[in-house]
Amino acid sequence: GLGVPSPRDPKAVPTASALRVIQEPGEVQVTAGDTVALRCQVEVAESGAVLRMEWARDGELGVLCATRLDFVTPLPMSPCPARALGVQLAWKPPRATLSLPQVQGNDSGRYLCRVTLEI
């Protein structure tokens, strides 16, 4: 069966049921200077999938981290190809971990993991 793309996202893949994203923890309390690890679990119906993953802070335009991942190929913790300094991403299927070093008080907020399935 075909899923129906949500009207909010014109680029939504018709088979929306093929991808499920779970973010945890929902909220983190941290002290300035700490390193924070945010996790995002991705469940994909097709094992050969290529994912486009973006991390952003809610309410901000810039993307903290944007990368393409081969679903089955692990990626060791490595610098993110984006502007944010020191941000690193690791991919251990089916879970991605975003590492934010030495957070400051103004880094608080909601962080969103957005995953697009490339077909």
PDB file of N, CA and C in Angstrom:
ATOM      1  N   GLY A   1       0.832  -1.196   0.000  1.00  0.00           N
ATOM      2  CA  GLY A   1       0.000   0.000   0.000  1.00  0.00           C
ATOM      3  C   GLY A   1       0.862   1.240   0.000  1.00  0.00           C
ATOM      4  N   LEU A   2       0.334   2.263  -0.591  1.00  0.00           N
ATOM      5  CA  LEU A   2       1.046   3.535  -0.644  1.00  0.00           C
ATOM      6  C   LEU A   2       0.597   4.430   0.493  1.00  0.00           C
ATOM      7  N   GLY A   3       1.574   5.052   1.155  1.00  0.00           N
ATOM      8  CA  GLY A   3       1.226   6.072   2.142  1.00  0.00           C
ATOM      9  C   GLY A   3       0.896   7.347   1.397  1.00  0.00           C
ATOM     10  N   VAL A   4       0.289   8.287   2.066  1.00  0.00           N
ATOM     11  CA  VAL A   4      -0.039   9.563   1.432  1.00  0.00           C
ATOM     12  C   VAL A   4       0.926  10.609   1.964  1.00  0.00           C
ATOM     13  N   PRO A   5       1.604  11.344   1.071  1.00  0.00           N
ATOM     14  CA  PRO A   5       2.532  12.374   1.557  1.00  0.00           C
ATOM     15  C   PRO A   5       1.781  13.435   2.353  1.00  0.00           C
ATOM     16  N   SER A   6       2.418  13.927   3.400  1.00  0.00           N
ATOM     17  CA  SER A   6       1.752  14.963   4.184  1.00  0.00           C
ATOM     18  C   SER A   6       1.775  16.258   3.392  1.00  0.00           C
ATOM     19  N   PRO A   7       0.696  17.029   3.441  1.00  0.00           N
ATOM     20  CA  PRO A   7       0.621  18.260   2.643  1.00  0.00           C
ATOM     21  C   PRO A   7       1.668  19.291   3.062  1.00  0.00           C
ATOM     22  N   ARG A   8       2.185  19.191   4.306  1.00  0.00           N
ATOM     23  CA  ARG A   8       3.175  20.157   4.764  1.00  0.00           C
ATOM     24  C   ARG A   8       4.497  19.991   4.035  1.00  0.00           C
ATOM     25  N   ASP A   9       4.798  18.794   3.602  1.00  0.00           N
ATOM     26  CA  ASP A   9       6.088  18.524   2.980  1.00  0.00           C
ATOM     27  C   ASP A   9       5.895  18.028   1.553  1.00  0.00           C
ATOM     28  N   PRO A  10       6.022  18.942   0.587  1.00  0.00           N
ATOM     29  CA  PRO A  10       5.786  18.546  -0.809  1.00  0.00           C
ATOM     30  C   PRO A  10       6.782  17.496  -1.295  1.00  0.00           C
ATOM     31  N   LYS A  11       7.940  17.371  -0.609  1.00  0.00           N
ATOM     32  CA  LYS A  11       8.951  16.409  -1.047  1.00  0.00           C
ATOM     33  C   LYS A  11       8.754  15.052  -0.379  1.00  0.00           C
ATOM     34  N   ALA A  12       7.700  14.895   0.387  1.00  0.00           N
ATOM     35  CA  ALA A  12       7.502  13.636   1.117  1.00  0.00           C
ATOM     36  C   ALA A  12       7.456  12.453   0.155  1.00  0.00           C
ATOM     37  N   VAL A  13       8.090  11.389   0.567  1.00  0.00           N
ATOM     38  CA  VAL A  13       8.110  10.173  -0.249  1.00  0.00           C
ATOM     39  C   VAL A  13       6.732   9.519  -0.164  1.00  0.00           C
ATOM     40  N   PRO A  14       6.150   9.119  -1.309  1.00  0.00           N
ATOM     41  CA  PRO A  14       4.817   8.507  -1.281  1.00  0.00           C
ATOM     42  C   PRO A  14       4.709   7.329  -0.313  1.00  0.00           C
ATOM     43  N   THR A  15       5.769   6.509  -0.217  1.00  0.00           N
ATOM     44  CA  THR A  15       5.713   5.381   0.716  1.00  0.00           C
ATOM     45  C   THR A  15       6.222   5.848   2.079  1.00  0.00           C
ATOM     46  N   ALA A  16       5.454   6.705   2.707  1.00  0.00           N
ATOM     47  CA  ALA A  16       5.864   7.302   3.973  1.00  0.00           C
ATOM     48  C   ALA A  16       6.060   6.241   5.056  1.00  0.00           C
ATOM     49  N   SER A  17       5.399   5.116   4.913  1.00  0.00           N
ATOM     50  CA  SER A  17       5.488   4.064   5.923  1.00  0.00           C
ATOM     51  C   SER A  17       6.855   3.384   5.916  1.00  0.00           C
ATOM     52  N   ALA A  18       7.685   3.653   4.909  1.00  0.00           N
ATOM     53  CA  ALA A  18       8.975   2.985   4.798  1.00  0.00           C
ATOM     54  C   ALA A  18      10.018   3.562   5.752  1.00  0.00           C
ATOM     55  N   LEU A  19       9.700   4.667   6.412  1.00  0.00           N
ATOM     56  CA  LEU A  19      10.681   5.351   7.241  1.00  0.00           C
ATOM     57  C   LEU A  19      10.071   5.747   8.576  1.00  0.00           C
ATOM     58  N   ARG A  20      10.783   5.445   9.664  1.00  0.00           N
ATOM     59  CA  ARG A  20      10.322   5.848  10.987  1.00  0.00           C
ATOM     60  C   ARG A  20      11.515   6.402  11.745  1.00  0.00           C
ATOM     61  N   VAL A  21      11.328   7.556  12.379  1.00  0.00           N
ATOM     62  CA  VAL A  21      12.412   8.210  13.095  1.00  0.00           C
ATOM     63  C   VAL A  21      12.008   8.397  14.557  1.00  0.00           C
ATOM     64  N   ILE A  22      12.887   7.977  15.472  1.00  0.00           N
ATOM     65  CA  ILE A  22      12.621   8.128  16.899  1.00  0.00           C
ATOM     66  C   ILE A  22      13.765   8.921  17.507  1.00  0.00           C
ATOM     67  N   GLN A  23      13.422  10.013  18.181  1.00  0.00           N
ATOM     68  CA  GLN A  23      14.441  10.837  18.798  1.00  0.00           C
ATOM     69  C   GLN A  23      14.430  10.650  20.294  1.00  0.00           C
ATOM     70  N   GLU A  24      15.610  10.533  20.886  1.00  0.00           N
ATOM     71  CA  GLU A  24      15.689  10.450  22.328  1.00  0.00           C
ATOM     72  C   GLU A  24      17.056  10.986  22.759  1.00  0.00           C
ATOM     73  N   PRO A  25      17.237  11.560  23.902  1.00  0.00           N
ATOM     74  CA  PRO A  25      16.153  11.909  24.819  1.00  0.00           C
ATOM     75  C   PRO A  25      15.381  13.116  24.306  1.00  0.00           C
ATOM     76  N   GLY A  26      14.144  13.265  24.742  1.00  0.00           N
ATOM     77  CA  GLY A  26      13.338  14.400  24.295  1.00  0.00           C
ATOM     78  C   GLY A  26      13.852  15.706  24.864  1.00  0.00           C
ATOM     79  N   GLU A  27      14.351  15.651  26.090  1.00  0.00           N
ATOM     80  CA  GLU A  27      14.840  16.863  26.730  1.00  0.00           C
ATOM     81  C   GLU A  27      16.096  16.545  27.522  1.00  0.00           C
ATOM     82  N   VAL A  28      17.075  17.438  27.456  1.00  0.00           N
ATOM     83  CA  VAL A  28      18.324  17.220  28.186  1.00  0.00           C
ATOM     84  C   VAL A  28      18.613  18.453  29.028  1.00  0.00           C
ATOM     85  N   GLN A  29      18.964  18.234  30.278  1.00  0.00           N
ATOM     86  CA  GLN A  29      19.421  19.327  31.125  1.00  0.00           C
ATOM     87  C   GLN A  29      20.943  19.244  31.155  1.00  0.00           C
ATOM     88  N   VAL A  30      21.608  20.337  30.811  1.00  0.00           N
ATOM     89  CA  VAL A  30      23.072  20.286  30.790  1.00  0.00           C
ATOM     90  C   VAL A  30      23.664  21.498  31.496  1.00  0.00           C
ATOM     91  N   THR A  31      24.909  21.364  31.857  1.00  0.00           N
ATOM     92  CA  THR A  31      25.655  22.458  32.469  1.00  0.00           C
ATOM     93  C   THR A  31      26.595  23.030  31.414  1.00  0.00           C
ATOM     94  N   ALA A  32      26.797  24.347  31.440  1.00  0.00           N
ATOM     95  CA  ALA A  32      27.709  24.978  30.485  1.00  0.00           C
ATOM     96  C   ALA A  32      29.062  24.285  30.543  1.00  0.00           C
ATOM     97  N   GLY A  33      29.634  24.021  29.364  1.00  0.00           N
ATOM     98  CA  GLY A  33      30.921  23.344  29.298  1.00  0.00           C
ATOM     99  C   GLY A  33      30.803  21.852  29.058  1.00  0.00           C
ATOM    100  N   ASP A  34      29.606  21.290  29.268  1.00  0.00           N
ATOM    101  CA  ASP A  34      29.384  19.860  29.031  1.00  0.00           C
ATOM    102  C   ASP A  34      29.382  19.549  27.536  1.00  0.00           C
ATOM    103  N   THR A  35      29.610  18.274  27.234  1.00  0.00           N
ATOM    104  CA  THR A  35      29.391  17.787  25.875  1.00  0.00           C
ATOM    105  C   THR A  35      28.066  17.042  25.893  1.00  0.00           C
ATOM    106  N   VAL A  36      27.209  17.344  24.930  1.00  0.00           N
ATOM    107  CA  VAL A  36      25.876  16.747  24.881  1.00  0.00           C
ATOM    108  C   VAL A  36      25.792  15.775  23.709  1.00  0.00           C
ATOM    109  N   ALA A  37      25.194  14.610  23.956  1.00  0.00           N
ATOM    110  CA  ALA A  37      24.971  13.633  22.889  1.00  0.00           C
ATOM    111  C   ALA A  37      23.473  13.509  22.655  1.00  0.00           C
ATOM    112  N   LEU A  38      23.049  13.758  21.425  1.00  0.00           N
ATOM    113  CA  LEU A  38      21.640  13.630  21.049  1.00  0.00           C
ATOM    114  C   LEU A  38      21.530  12.441  20.103  1.00  0.00           C
ATOM    115  N   ARG A  39      20.523  11.612  20.322  1.00  0.00           N
ATOM    116  CA  ARG A  39      20.393  10.407  19.504  1.00  0.00           C
ATOM    117  C   ARG A  39      19.117  10.431  18.656  1.00  0.00           C
ATOM    118  N   CYS A  40      19.229   9.785  17.521  1.00  0.00           N
ATOM    119  CA  CYS A  40      18.116   9.703  16.594  1.00  0.00           C
ATOM    120  C   CYS A  40      18.145   8.300  15.987  1.00  0.00           C
ATOM    121  N   GLN A  41      17.075   7.557  16.185  1.00  0.00           N
ATOM    122  CA  GLN A  41      17.015   6.190  15.663  1.00  0.00           C
ATOM    123  C   GLN A  41      16.164   6.176  14.398  1.00  0.00           C
ATOM    124  N   VAL A  42      16.671   5.515  13.376  1.00  0.00           N
ATOM    125  CA  VAL A  42      15.993   5.498  12.083  1.00  0.00           C
ATOM    126  C   VAL A  42      15.656   4.058  11.713  1.00  0.00           C
ATOM    127  N   GLU A  43      14.395   3.825  11.405  1.00  0.00           N
ATOM    128  CA  GLU A  43      13.989   2.491  10.958  1.00  0.00           C
ATOM    129  C   GLU A  43      13.524   2.593   9.508  1.00  0.00           C
ATOM    130  N   VAL A  44      14.181   1.827   8.652  1.00  0.00           N
ATOM    131  CA  VAL A  44      13.906   1.888   7.218  1.00  0.00           C
ATOM    132  C   VAL A  44      13.510   0.502   6.722  1.00  0.00           C
ATOM    133  N   ALA A  45      12.509   0.471   5.865  1.00  0.00           N
ATOM    134  CA  ALA A  45      12.036  -0.808   5.338  1.00  0.00           C
ATOM    135  C   ALA A  45      13.039  -1.426   4.370  1.00  0.00           C
ATOM    136  N   GLU A  46      13.739  -0.583   3.606  1.00  0.00           N
ATOM    137  CA  GLU A  46      14.685  -1.108   2.613  1.00  0.00           C
ATOM    138  C   GLU A  46      16.106  -0.986   3.144  1.00  0.00           C
ATOM    139  N   SER A  47      16.852  -2.084   3.102  1.00  0.00           N
ATOM    140  CA  SER A  47      18.189  -2.075   3.684  1.00  0.00           C
ATOM    141  C   SER A  47      19.189  -1.273   2.852  1.00  0.00           C
ATOM    142  N   GLY A  48      18.958  -1.132   1.567  1.00  0.00           N
ATOM    143  CA  GLY A  48      19.913  -0.414   0.723  1.00  0.00           C
ATOM    144  C   GLY A  48      19.653   1.076   0.641  1.00  0.00           C
ATOM    145  N   ALA A  49      18.886   1.596   1.580  1.00  0.00           N
ATOM    146  CA  ALA A  49      18.463   2.990   1.507  1.00  0.00           C
ATOM    147  C   ALA A  49      19.609   3.968   1.753  1.00  0.00           C
ATOM    148  N   VAL A  50      19.480   5.138   1.131  1.00  0.00           N
ATOM    149  CA  VAL A  50      20.385   6.252   1.406  1.00  0.00           C
ATOM    150  C   VAL A  50      19.562   7.315   2.119  1.00  0.00           C
ATOM    151  N   LEU A  51      20.081   7.787   3.240  1.00  0.00           N
ATOM    152  CA  LEU A  51      19.354   8.756   4.050  1.00  0.00           C
ATOM    153  C   LEU A  51      20.025  10.116   3.965  1.00  0.00           C
ATOM    154  N   ARG A  52      19.217  11.140   3.938  1.00  0.00           N
ATOM    155  CA  ARG A  52      19.733  12.497   4.093  1.00  0.00           C
ATOM    156  C   ARG A  52      19.324  12.927   5.496  1.00  0.00           C
ATOM    157  N   MET A  53      20.303  13.210   6.336  1.00  0.00           N
ATOM    158  CA  MET A  53      20.001  13.560   7.722  1.00  0.00           C
ATOM    159  C   MET A  53      20.408  14.999   8.004  1.00  0.00           C
ATOM    160  N   GLU A  54      19.505  15.725   8.628  1.00  0.00           N
ATOM    161  CA  GLU A  54      19.787  17.102   9.027  1.00  0.00           C
ATOM    162  C   GLU A  54      19.433  17.278  10.490  1.00  0.00           C
ATOM    163  N   TRP A  55      20.268  17.994  11.203  1.00  0.00           N
ATOM    164  CA  TRP A  55      19.986  18.357  12.586  1.00  0.00           C
ATOM    165  C   TRP A  55      19.846  19.867  12.635  1.00  0.00           C
ATOM    166  N   ALA A  56      18.802  20.324  13.262  1.00  0.00           N
ATOM    167  CA  ALA A  56      18.587  21.761  13.367  1.00  0.00           C
ATOM    168  C   ALA A  56      18.059  22.085  14.753  1.00  0.00           C
ATOM    169  N   ARG A  57      18.214  23.330  15.141  1.00  0.00           N
ATOM    170  CA  ARG A  57      17.654  23.766  16.405  1.00  0.00           C
ATOM    171  C   ARG A  57      16.328  24.424  16.098  1.00  0.00           C
ATOM    172  N   ASP A  58      15.302  24.043  16.827  1.00  0.00           N
ATOM    173  CA  ASP A  58      13.960  24.557  16.593  1.00  0.00           C
ATOM    174  C   ASP A  58      13.963  26.075  16.661  1.00  0.00           C
ATOM    175  N   GLY A  59      13.343  26.700  15.658  1.00  0.00           N
ATOM    176  CA  GLY A  59      13.238  28.150  15.672  1.00  0.00           C
ATOM    177  C   GLY A  59      14.412  28.856  15.016  1.00  0.00           C
ATOM    178  N   GLU A  60      15.411  28.101  14.590  1.00  0.00           N
ATOM    179  CA  GLU A  60      16.558  28.705  13.912  1.00  0.00           C
ATOM    180  C   GLU A  60      16.622  28.229  12.468  1.00  0.00           C
ATOM    181  N   LEU A  61      17.115  29.101  11.613  1.00  0.00           N
ATOM    182  CA  LEU A  61      17.157  28.768  10.189  1.00  0.00           C
ATOM    183  C   LEU A  61      18.326  27.856   9.843  1.00  0.00           C
ATOM    184  N   GLY A  62      19.464  28.068  10.475  1.00  0.00           N
ATOM    185  CA  GLY A  62      20.654  27.308  10.118  1.00  0.00           C
ATOM    186  C   GLY A  62      20.552  25.839  10.489  1.00  0.00           C
ATOM    187  N   VAL A  63      21.255  25.011   9.728  1.00  0.00           N
ATOM    188  CA  VAL A  63      21.321  23.580  10.018  1.00  0.00           C
ATOM    189  C   VAL A  63      22.639  23.309  10.731  1.00  0.00           C
ATOM    190  N   LEU A  64      22.578  22.586  11.849  1.00  0.00           N
ATOM    191  CA  LEU A  64      23.792  22.262  12.616  1.00  0.00           C
ATOM    192  C   LEU A  64      24.649  21.237  11.895  1.00  0.00           C
ATOM    193  N   CYS A  65      23.970  20.321  11.240  1.00  0.00           N
ATOM    194  CA  CYS A  65      24.673  19.201  10.635  1.00  0.00           C
ATOM    195  C   CYS A  65      23.810  18.681   9.488  1.00  0.00           C
ATOM    196  N   ALA A  66      24.412  18.473   8.345  1.00  0.00           N
ATOM    197  CA  ALA A  66      23.680  17.898   7.211  1.00  0.00           C
ATOM    198  C   ALA A  66      24.592  16.892   6.544  1.00  0.00           C
ATOM    199  N   THR A  67      24.092  15.688   6.356  1.00  0.00           N
ATOM    200  CA  THR A  67      24.935  14.663   5.753  1.00  0.00           C
ATOM    201  C   THR A  67      24.091  13.606   5.060  1.00  0.00           C
ATOM    202  N   ARG A  68      24.735  12.811   4.223  1.00  0.00           N
ATOM    203  CA  ARG A  68      24.072  11.669   3.600  1.00  0.00           C
ATOM    204  C   ARG A  68      24.688  10.406   4.179  1.00  0.00           C
ATOM    205  N   LEU A  69      23.840   9.453   4.507  1.00  0.00           N
ATOM    206  CA  LEU A  69      24.296   8.207   5.117  1.00  0.00           C
ATOM    207  C   LEU A  69      23.786   7.017   4.328  1.00  0.00           C
ATOM    208  N   ASP A  70      24.653   6.041   4.175  1.00  0.00           N
ATOM    209  CA  ASP A  70      24.227   4.766   3.623  1.00  0.00           C
ATOM    210  C   ASP A  70      23.694   3.991   4.813  1.00  0.00           C
ATOM    211  N   PHE A  71      22.451   3.554   4.755  1.00  0.00           N
ATOM    212  CA  PHE A  71      21.805   2.981   5.927  1.00  0.00           C
ATOM    213  C   PHE A  71      22.606   1.857   6.580  1.00  0.00           C
ATOM    214  N   VAL A  72      23.270   1.021   5.775  1.00  0.00           N
ATOM    215  CA  VAL A  72      23.939  -0.157   6.337  1.00  0.00           C
ATOM    216  C   VAL A  72      25.412   0.079   6.694  1.00  0.00           C
ATOM    217  N   THR A  73      25.952   1.255   6.354  1.00  0.00           N
ATOM    218  CA  THR A  73      27.380   1.493   6.572  1.00  0.00           C
ATOM    219  C   THR A  73      27.627   2.397   7.775  1.00  0.00           C
ATOM    220  N   PRO A  74      28.241   1.855   8.837  1.00  0.00           N
ATOM    221  CA  PRO A  74      28.514   2.685  10.014  1.00  0.00           C
ATOM    222  C   PRO A  74      29.486   3.812   9.697  1.00  0.00           C
ATOM    223  N   LEU A  75      29.369   4.890  10.443  1.00  0.00           N
ATOM    224  CA  LEU A  75      30.253   6.040  10.293  1.00  0.00           C
ATOM    225  C   LEU A  75      30.801   6.365  11.677  1.00  0.00           C
ATOM    226  N   PRO A  76      32.137   6.359  11.839  1.00  0.00           N
ATOM    227  CA  PRO A  76      32.681   6.704  13.154  1.00  0.00           C
ATOM    228  C   PRO A  76      32.434   8.179  13.460  1.00  0.00           C
ATOM    229  N   MET A  77      32.553   8.548  14.724  1.00  0.00           N
ATOM    230  CA  MET A  77      32.341   9.943  15.116  1.00  0.00           C
ATOM    231  C   MET A  77      33.262  10.825  14.282  1.00  0.00           C
ATOM    232  N   SER A  78      32.672  11.728  13.515  1.00  0.00           N
ATOM    233  CA  SER A  78      33.472  12.574  12.637  1.00  0.00           C
ATOM    234  C   SER A  78      32.831  13.950  12.521  1.00  0.00           C
ATOM    235  N   PRO A  79      33.649  14.956  12.176  1.00  0.00           N
ATOM    236  CA  PRO A  79      33.122  16.320  12.096  1.00  0.00           C
ATOM    237  C   PRO A  79      31.984  16.419  11.093  1.00  0.00           C
ATOM    238  N   CYS A  80      31.019  17.238  11.435  1.00  0.00           N
ATOM    239  CA  CYS A  80      29.848  17.413  10.593  1.00  0.00           C
ATOM    240  C   CYS A  80      30.146  18.353   9.445  1.00  0.00           C
ATOM    241  N   PRO A  81      29.698  18.015   8.237  1.00  0.00           N
ATOM    242  CA  PRO A  81      29.905  18.950   7.117  1.00  0.00           C
ATOM    243  C   PRO A  81      28.896  20.092   7.191  1.00  0.00           C
ATOM    244  N   ALA A  82      29.092  20.967   8.150  1.00  0.00           N
ATOM    245  CA  ALA A  82      28.220  22.143   8.289  1.00  0.00           C
ATOM    246  C   ALA A  82      28.992  23.216   9.055  1.00  0.00           C
ATOM    247  N   ARG A  83      28.340  24.355   9.260  1.00  0.00           N
ATOM    248  CA  ARG A  83      29.029  25.506   9.837  1.00  0.00           C
ATOM    249  C   ARG A  83      29.406  25.333  11.303  1.00  0.00           C
ATOM    250  N   ALA A  84      28.549  24.651  12.065  1.00  0.00           N
ATOM    251  CA  ALA A  84      28.725  24.607  13.513  1.00  0.00           C
ATOM    252  C   ALA A  84      30.079  24.014  13.911  1.00  0.00           C
ATOM    253  N   LEU A  85      30.821  24.742  14.692  1.00  0.00           N
ATOM    254  CA  LEU A  85      32.171  24.351  15.070  1.00  0.00           C
ATOM    255  C   LEU A  85      32.175  23.199  16.070  1.00  0.00           C
ATOM    256  N   GLY A  86      32.962  22.177  15.769  1.00  0.00           N
ATOM    257  CA  GLY A  86      33.134  21.098  16.723  1.00  0.00           C
ATOM    258  C   GLY A  86      32.009  20.084  16.789  1.00  0.00           C
ATOM    259  N   VAL A  87      30.925  20.317  16.049  1.00  0.00           N
ATOM    260  CA  VAL A  87      29.805  19.373  16.067  1.00  0.00           C
ATOM    261  C   VAL A  87      30.220  18.106  15.334  1.00  0.00           C
ATOM    262  N   GLN A  88      29.945  16.948  15.932  1.00  0.00           N
ATOM    263  CA  GLN A  88      30.324  15.687  15.315  1.00  0.00           C
ATOM    264  C   GLN A  88      29.127  14.752  15.231  1.00  0.00           C
ATOM    265  N   LEU A  89      29.200  13.858  14.262  1.00  0.00           N
ATOM    266  CA  LEU A  89      28.118  12.902  14.058  1.00  0.00           C
ATOM    267  C   LEU A  89      28.688  11.495  13.908  1.00  0.00           C
ATOM    268  N   ALA A  90      28.030  10.538  14.556  1.00  0.00           N
ATOM    269  CA  ALA A  90      28.388   9.133  14.379  1.00  0.00           C
ATOM    270  C   ALA A  90      27.134   8.396  13.927  1.00  0.00           C
ATOM    271  N   TRP A  91      27.329   7.370  13.110  1.00  0.00           N
ATOM    272  CA  TRP A  91      26.198   6.574  12.613  1.00  0.00           C
ATOM    273  C   TRP A  91      26.505   5.105  12.861  1.00  0.00           C
ATOM    274  N   LYS A  92      25.722   4.513  13.754  1.00  0.00           N
ATOM    275  CA  LYS A  92      25.845   3.086  14.029  1.00  0.00           C
ATOM    276  C   LYS A  92      24.450   2.526  13.803  1.00  0.00           C
ATOM    277  N   PRO A  93      24.180   2.050  12.559  1.00  0.00           N
ATOM    278  CA  PRO A  93      22.805   1.665  12.210  1.00  0.00           C
ATOM    279  C   PRO A  93      22.139   0.844  13.311  1.00  0.00           C
ATOM    280  N   PRO A  94      20.897   1.210  13.680  1.00  0.00           N
ATOM    281  CA  PRO A  94      20.060   2.252  13.053  1.00  0.00           C
ATOM    282  C   PRO A  94      20.077   3.569  13.819  1.00  0.00           C
ATOM    283  N   ARG A  95      21.166   3.886  14.544  1.00  0.00           N
ATOM    284  CA  ARG A  95      21.138   5.054  15.419  1.00  0.00           C
ATOM    285  C   ARG A  95      22.240   6.052  15.086  1.00  0.00           C
ATOM    286  N   ALA A  96      21.861   7.318  15.003  1.00  0.00           N
ATOM    287  CA  ALA A  96      22.820   8.399  14.813  1.00  0.00           C
ATOM    288  C   ALA A  96      22.992   9.128  16.140  1.00  0.00           C
ATOM    289  N   THR A  97      24.205   9.578  16.408  1.00  0.00           N
ATOM    290  CA  THR A  97      24.481  10.352  17.610  1.00  0.00           C
ATOM    291  C   THR A  97      25.148  11.648  17.210  1.00  0.00           C
ATOM    292  N   LEU A  98      24.540  12.753  17.609  1.00  0.00           N
ATOM    293  CA  LEU A  98      25.104  14.075  17.349  1.00  0.00           C
ATOM    294  C   LEU A  98      25.764  14.542  18.637  1.00  0.00           C
ATOM    295  N   SER A  99      27.010  14.955  18.532  1.00  0.00           N
ATOM    296  CA  SER A  99      27.761  15.401  19.699  1.00  0.00           C
ATOM    297  C   SER A  99      27.993  16.902  19.627  1.00  0.00           C
ATOM    298  N   LEU A 100      27.543  17.604  20.671  1.00  0.00           N
ATOM    299  CA  LEU A 100      27.724  19.057  20.749  1.00  0.00           C
ATOM    300  C   LEU A 100      28.728  19.334  21.867  1.00  0.00           C
ATOM    301  N   PRO A 101      29.927  19.807  21.519  1.00  0.00           N
ATOM    302  CA  PRO A 101      30.950  20.015  22.550  1.00  0.00           C
ATOM    303  C   PRO A 101      30.777  21.345  23.269  1.00  0.00           C
ATOM    304  N   GLN A 102      31.138  21.361  24.538  1.00  0.00           N
ATOM    305  CA  GLN A 102      31.186  22.584  25.339  1.00  0.00           C
ATOM    306  C   GLN A 102      29.988  23.496  25.107  1.00  0.00           C
ATOM    307  N   VAL A 103      28.812  22.978  25.434  1.00  0.00           N
ATOM    308  CA  VAL A 103      27.604  23.777  25.229  1.00  0.00           C
ATOM    309  C   VAL A 103      27.585  24.974  26.181  1.00  0.00           C
ATOM    310  N   GLN A 104      26.910  26.008  25.740  1.00  0.00           N
ATOM    311  CA  GLN A 104      26.741  27.201  26.561  1.00  0.00           C
ATOM    312  C   GLN A 104      25.270  27.317  26.939  1.00  0.00           C
ATOM    313  N   GLY A 105      24.968  28.212  27.839  1.00  0.00           N
ATOM    314  CA  GLY A 105      23.586  28.398  28.276  1.00  0.00           C
ATOM    315  C   GLY A 105      22.649  28.706  27.118  1.00  0.00           C
ATOM    316  N   ASN A 106      23.158  29.452  26.124  1.00  0.00           N
ATOM    317  CA  ASN A 106      22.283  29.837  25.008  1.00  0.00           C
ATOM    318  C   ASN A 106      22.124  28.726  23.981  1.00  0.00           C
ATOM    319  N   ASP A 107      22.678  27.545  24.255  1.00  0.00           N
ATOM    320  CA  ASP A 107      22.486  26.405  23.356  1.00  0.00           C
ATOM    321  C   ASP A 107      21.231  25.618  23.700  1.00  0.00           C
ATOM    322  N   SER A 108      20.544  26.042  24.771  1.00  0.00           N
ATOM    323  CA  SER A 108      19.356  25.278  25.174  1.00  0.00           C
ATOM    324  C   SER A 108      18.252  25.465  24.151  1.00  0.00           C
ATOM    325  N   GLY A 109      17.393  24.464  24.055  1.00  0.00           N
ATOM    326  CA  GLY A 109      16.294  24.528  23.102  1.00  0.00           C
ATOM    327  C   GLY A 109      15.995  23.139  22.588  1.00  0.00           C
ATOM    328  N   ARG A 110      15.087  23.091  21.625  1.00  0.00           N
ATOM    329  CA  ARG A 110      14.727  21.806  21.029  1.00  0.00           C
ATOM    330  C   ARG A 110      15.576  21.586  19.793  1.00  0.00           C
ATOM    331  N   TYR A 111      16.134  20.383  19.692  1.00  0.00           N
ATOM    332  CA  TYR A 111      16.932  20.022  18.526  1.00  0.00           C
ATOM    333  C   TYR A 111      16.172  18.962  17.744  1.00  0.00           C
ATOM    334  N   LEU A 112      16.095  19.152  16.446  1.00  0.00           N
ATOM    335  CA  LEU A 112      15.305  18.255  15.611  1.00  0.00           C
ATOM    336  C   LEU A 112      16.197  17.469  14.663  1.00  0.00           C
ATOM    337  N   CYS A 113      15.905  16.190  14.584  1.00  0.00           N
ATOM    338  CA  CYS A 113      16.597  15.315  13.642  1.00  0.00           C
ATOM    339  C   CYS A 113      15.618  15.080  12.488  1.00  0.00           C
ATOM    340  N   ARG A 114      15.996  15.528  11.288  1.00  0.00           N
ATOM    341  CA  ARG A 114      15.105  15.374  10.137  1.00  0.00           C
ATOM    342  C   ARG A 114      15.766  14.410   9.151  1.00  0.00           C
ATOM    343  N   VAL A 115      15.042  13.382   8.802  1.00  0.00           N
ATOM    344  CA  VAL A 115      15.605  12.349   7.925  1.00  0.00           C
ATOM    345  C   VAL A 115      14.752  12.227   6.665  1.00  0.00           C
ATOM    346  N   THR A 116      15.403  12.262   5.517  1.00  0.00           N
ATOM    347  CA  THR A 116      14.730  12.084   4.237  1.00  0.00           C
ATOM    348  C   THR A 116      15.272  10.820   3.593  1.00  0.00           C
ATOM    349  N   LEU A 117      14.398  10.014   3.063  1.00  0.00           N
ATOM    350  CA  LEU A 117      14.794   8.795   2.370  1.00  0.00           C
ATOM    351  C   LEU A 117      15.013   9.134   0.902  1.00  0.00           C
ATOM    352  N   GLU A 118      16.199   8.860   0.400  1.00  0.00           N
ATOM    353  CA  GLU A 118      16.458   9.124  -1.023  1.00  0.00           C
ATOM    354  C   GLU A 118      16.127   7.878  -1.814  1.00  0.00           C
ATOM    355  N   ILE A 119      15.354   8.082  -2.891  1.00  0.00           N
ATOM    356  CA  ILE A 119      14.983   6.925  -3.703  1.00  0.00           C
ATOM    357  C   ILE A 119      15.427   7.130  -5.136  1.00  0.00           C
TER     358      ILE A 119
END
